Protein backbone atom coordinates (compact mmCIF):
# COMPACT_ATOMS: atom_id res chain seq x y z
CA MET A 1 14.48 -86.75 -60.42
CA GLY A 2 17.27 -86.44 -63.09
CA ARG A 3 20.34 -83.56 -63.20
CA ARG A 4 19.99 -81.21 -65.79
CA PRO A 5 22.96 -81.13 -67.94
CA VAL A 6 25.28 -77.98 -66.87
CA SER A 7 25.67 -75.75 -69.57
CA THR A 8 29.63 -74.58 -69.65
CA VAL A 9 30.75 -71.61 -70.36
CA THR A 10 32.74 -73.10 -73.35
CA ALA A 11 29.10 -73.72 -74.86
CA ILE A 12 28.13 -70.68 -73.82
CA ALA A 13 30.81 -68.86 -75.54
CA GLU A 14 30.34 -71.22 -78.85
CA ALA A 15 26.26 -70.17 -78.62
CA LEU A 16 27.45 -66.64 -78.77
CA VAL A 17 30.11 -67.18 -81.58
CA ALA A 18 26.61 -69.10 -83.63
CA VAL A 19 24.72 -65.52 -83.31
CA LEU A 20 28.07 -63.27 -84.24
CA ARG A 21 28.91 -65.73 -87.46
CA GLY A 22 24.70 -64.83 -88.47
CA LEU A 23 25.75 -60.86 -88.66
CA SER A 24 26.18 -59.97 -92.29
CA TRP A 25 28.98 -57.46 -91.29
CA VAL A 26 30.90 -60.08 -89.24
CA ASP A 27 33.46 -62.04 -91.68
CA ALA A 28 34.59 -64.81 -89.31
CA ALA A 29 34.00 -65.29 -85.35
CA SER A 30 35.59 -67.72 -82.86
CA ALA A 31 35.63 -68.82 -79.80
CA SER A 32 38.96 -70.62 -80.05
CA GLU A 33 40.73 -68.34 -81.93
CA TYR A 34 41.72 -64.64 -80.73
CA LEU A 35 43.42 -62.57 -83.38
CA PRO A 36 42.46 -62.31 -86.81
CA SER A 37 44.23 -65.00 -89.58
CA ALA A 38 43.61 -63.36 -92.82
CA VAL A 39 43.75 -59.81 -93.90
CA GLY A 40 41.29 -60.30 -96.08
CA SER A 41 38.85 -60.38 -93.51
CA GLN A 42 37.19 -56.76 -92.75
CA VAL A 43 35.65 -57.35 -89.42
CA CYS A 44 36.31 -60.40 -86.92
CA ALA A 45 34.67 -61.06 -83.90
CA PHE A 46 36.28 -62.97 -81.01
CA VAL A 47 34.62 -64.71 -77.47
CA VAL A 48 37.76 -64.36 -75.46
CA PRO A 49 38.54 -65.91 -71.98
CA TYR A 50 40.27 -62.76 -71.01
CA ASN A 51 38.66 -60.73 -68.02
CA GLN A 52 35.94 -63.48 -67.95
CA GLU A 53 34.36 -63.46 -64.86
CA THR A 54 31.97 -65.53 -62.83
CA ARG A 55 29.44 -65.41 -60.12
CA ALA A 56 27.36 -67.43 -57.91
CA LEU A 57 25.58 -64.82 -55.27
CA PRO A 58 24.33 -66.15 -52.24
CA SER A 59 20.45 -65.39 -53.15
CA SER A 60 21.08 -67.50 -56.48
CA LEU A 61 21.67 -70.99 -54.18
CA ASP A 62 19.67 -73.14 -52.86
CA ASP A 63 19.55 -76.76 -51.98
CA ASP A 64 19.37 -78.10 -55.29
CA THR A 65 20.48 -75.61 -57.80
CA MET A 66 22.50 -72.13 -58.01
CA THR A 67 22.64 -69.31 -60.90
CA LEU A 68 25.82 -68.65 -62.11
CA THR A 69 26.18 -64.87 -63.61
CA HIS A 70 29.12 -65.24 -66.31
CA VAL A 71 30.64 -62.12 -68.23
CA LEU A 72 31.86 -62.58 -71.46
CA THR A 73 34.27 -60.78 -73.57
CA VAL A 74 33.96 -60.02 -77.45
CA GLU A 75 36.20 -58.58 -79.19
CA PHE A 76 35.47 -57.13 -82.45
CA TRP A 77 38.77 -56.54 -84.82
CA ILE A 78 37.90 -54.14 -87.39
CA GLN A 79 40.35 -53.85 -89.83
CA HIS A 80 41.49 -50.09 -90.73
CA ARG A 81 42.40 -49.74 -94.79
CA ASN A 82 43.85 -46.45 -95.83
CA GLY A 83 41.47 -43.82 -96.94
CA GLN A 84 38.45 -45.47 -95.05
CA ALA A 85 38.75 -43.76 -91.66
CA ALA A 86 35.35 -42.96 -91.62
CA THR A 87 34.22 -46.68 -92.51
CA THR A 88 36.46 -48.12 -89.91
CA MET A 89 35.13 -45.49 -86.96
CA GLN A 90 31.74 -46.30 -87.88
CA GLN A 91 32.05 -50.21 -87.67
CA ALA A 92 33.87 -49.67 -84.51
CA ARG A 93 30.99 -47.67 -82.88
CA ASP A 94 28.18 -49.67 -84.02
CA ALA A 95 29.80 -53.09 -83.37
CA GLY A 96 28.35 -53.07 -79.78
CA THR A 97 24.63 -51.88 -80.54
CA LEU A 98 24.29 -54.54 -83.44
CA ALA A 99 25.89 -57.05 -81.31
CA ILE A 100 23.80 -56.68 -78.35
CA ALA A 101 20.77 -56.30 -80.57
CA ALA A 102 21.52 -59.57 -82.47
CA LEU A 103 22.39 -61.52 -78.74
CA LEU A 104 19.09 -60.06 -77.23
CA ALA A 105 17.28 -61.39 -80.40
CA HIS A 106 18.47 -64.42 -79.89
CA ASP A 107 18.14 -65.01 -76.20
CA GLY A 108 17.70 -68.45 -74.64
CA GLU A 109 19.22 -70.29 -77.86
CA GLY A 110 22.34 -71.90 -76.03
CA TYR A 111 22.26 -68.94 -73.46
CA THR A 112 20.36 -66.59 -71.35
CA ILE A 113 21.34 -63.08 -70.91
CA ALA A 114 21.43 -62.06 -67.50
CA ARG A 115 19.33 -58.73 -67.69
CA GLU A 116 20.01 -57.67 -64.19
CA TYR A 117 23.72 -56.77 -65.70
CA GLY A 118 24.16 -54.35 -68.32
CA PHE A 119 26.11 -54.71 -71.15
CA GLU A 120 29.78 -52.50 -71.38
CA GLU A 121 31.59 -51.67 -74.78
CA ARG A 122 34.87 -50.31 -75.17
CA ILE A 123 36.68 -49.51 -77.89
CA ASP A 124 40.77 -48.83 -77.49
CA PRO A 125 42.22 -45.85 -77.61
CA ALA A 126 44.57 -46.35 -80.35
CA PRO A 127 44.70 -49.02 -83.62
CA VAL A 128 46.46 -52.58 -82.73
CA GLN A 129 49.22 -53.68 -85.42
CA HIS A 130 48.34 -57.34 -86.34
CA MET A 131 49.98 -58.55 -89.82
CA ASN A 132 51.74 -55.22 -90.53
CA VAL A 133 47.79 -53.67 -90.32
CA PRO A 134 46.37 -51.38 -88.37
CA TRP A 135 43.05 -52.91 -86.38
CA LEU A 136 41.00 -51.18 -84.40
CA VAL A 137 39.64 -53.34 -81.35
CA SER A 138 35.98 -52.47 -79.54
CA SER A 139 35.65 -54.83 -76.37
CA LEU A 140 31.61 -55.98 -75.52
CA ARG A 141 30.98 -57.04 -72.43
CA VAL A 142 28.14 -59.75 -71.85
CA PRO A 143 26.23 -60.78 -69.20
CA ALA A 144 25.27 -64.67 -69.50
CA GLU A 145 23.76 -66.67 -66.83
CA ASN A 146 22.86 -70.27 -66.50
CA GLU A 147 21.49 -72.52 -63.61
CA VAL A 148 23.97 -75.37 -62.23
CA THR A 149 22.28 -78.19 -60.23
CA THR A 150 24.32 -78.82 -56.66
């Protein structure tokens, strides 16, 4: 029996980016960038390696395969424009929920959601200055898994 190709964490991250790029409210998405590159973008989504976790639980190990569970971080950078605080706050609050729904809808398309783990979202306590523009950053922790042949 031939070995199955290993899906790398980078491949899983790229599959998540493909879903995020398809969201109408996301202007740019990337797994290779981590900061907005244009002030013209209102919402950017980045699958960043920061705080990434990978686990192989003993119960997932057998003679031929093991299941790896990864927790990847998606950062949504929402640009704050003067006079539009309500829009910025709404986009930051809704980013995680909307992204979770889309990621679940595409589960199995380059990644598998690890359903025994939960998604987690956190919004930074204050805007971040980048390119002299304030951005509100919402971080979503996405649990994904893949099977690896040993």
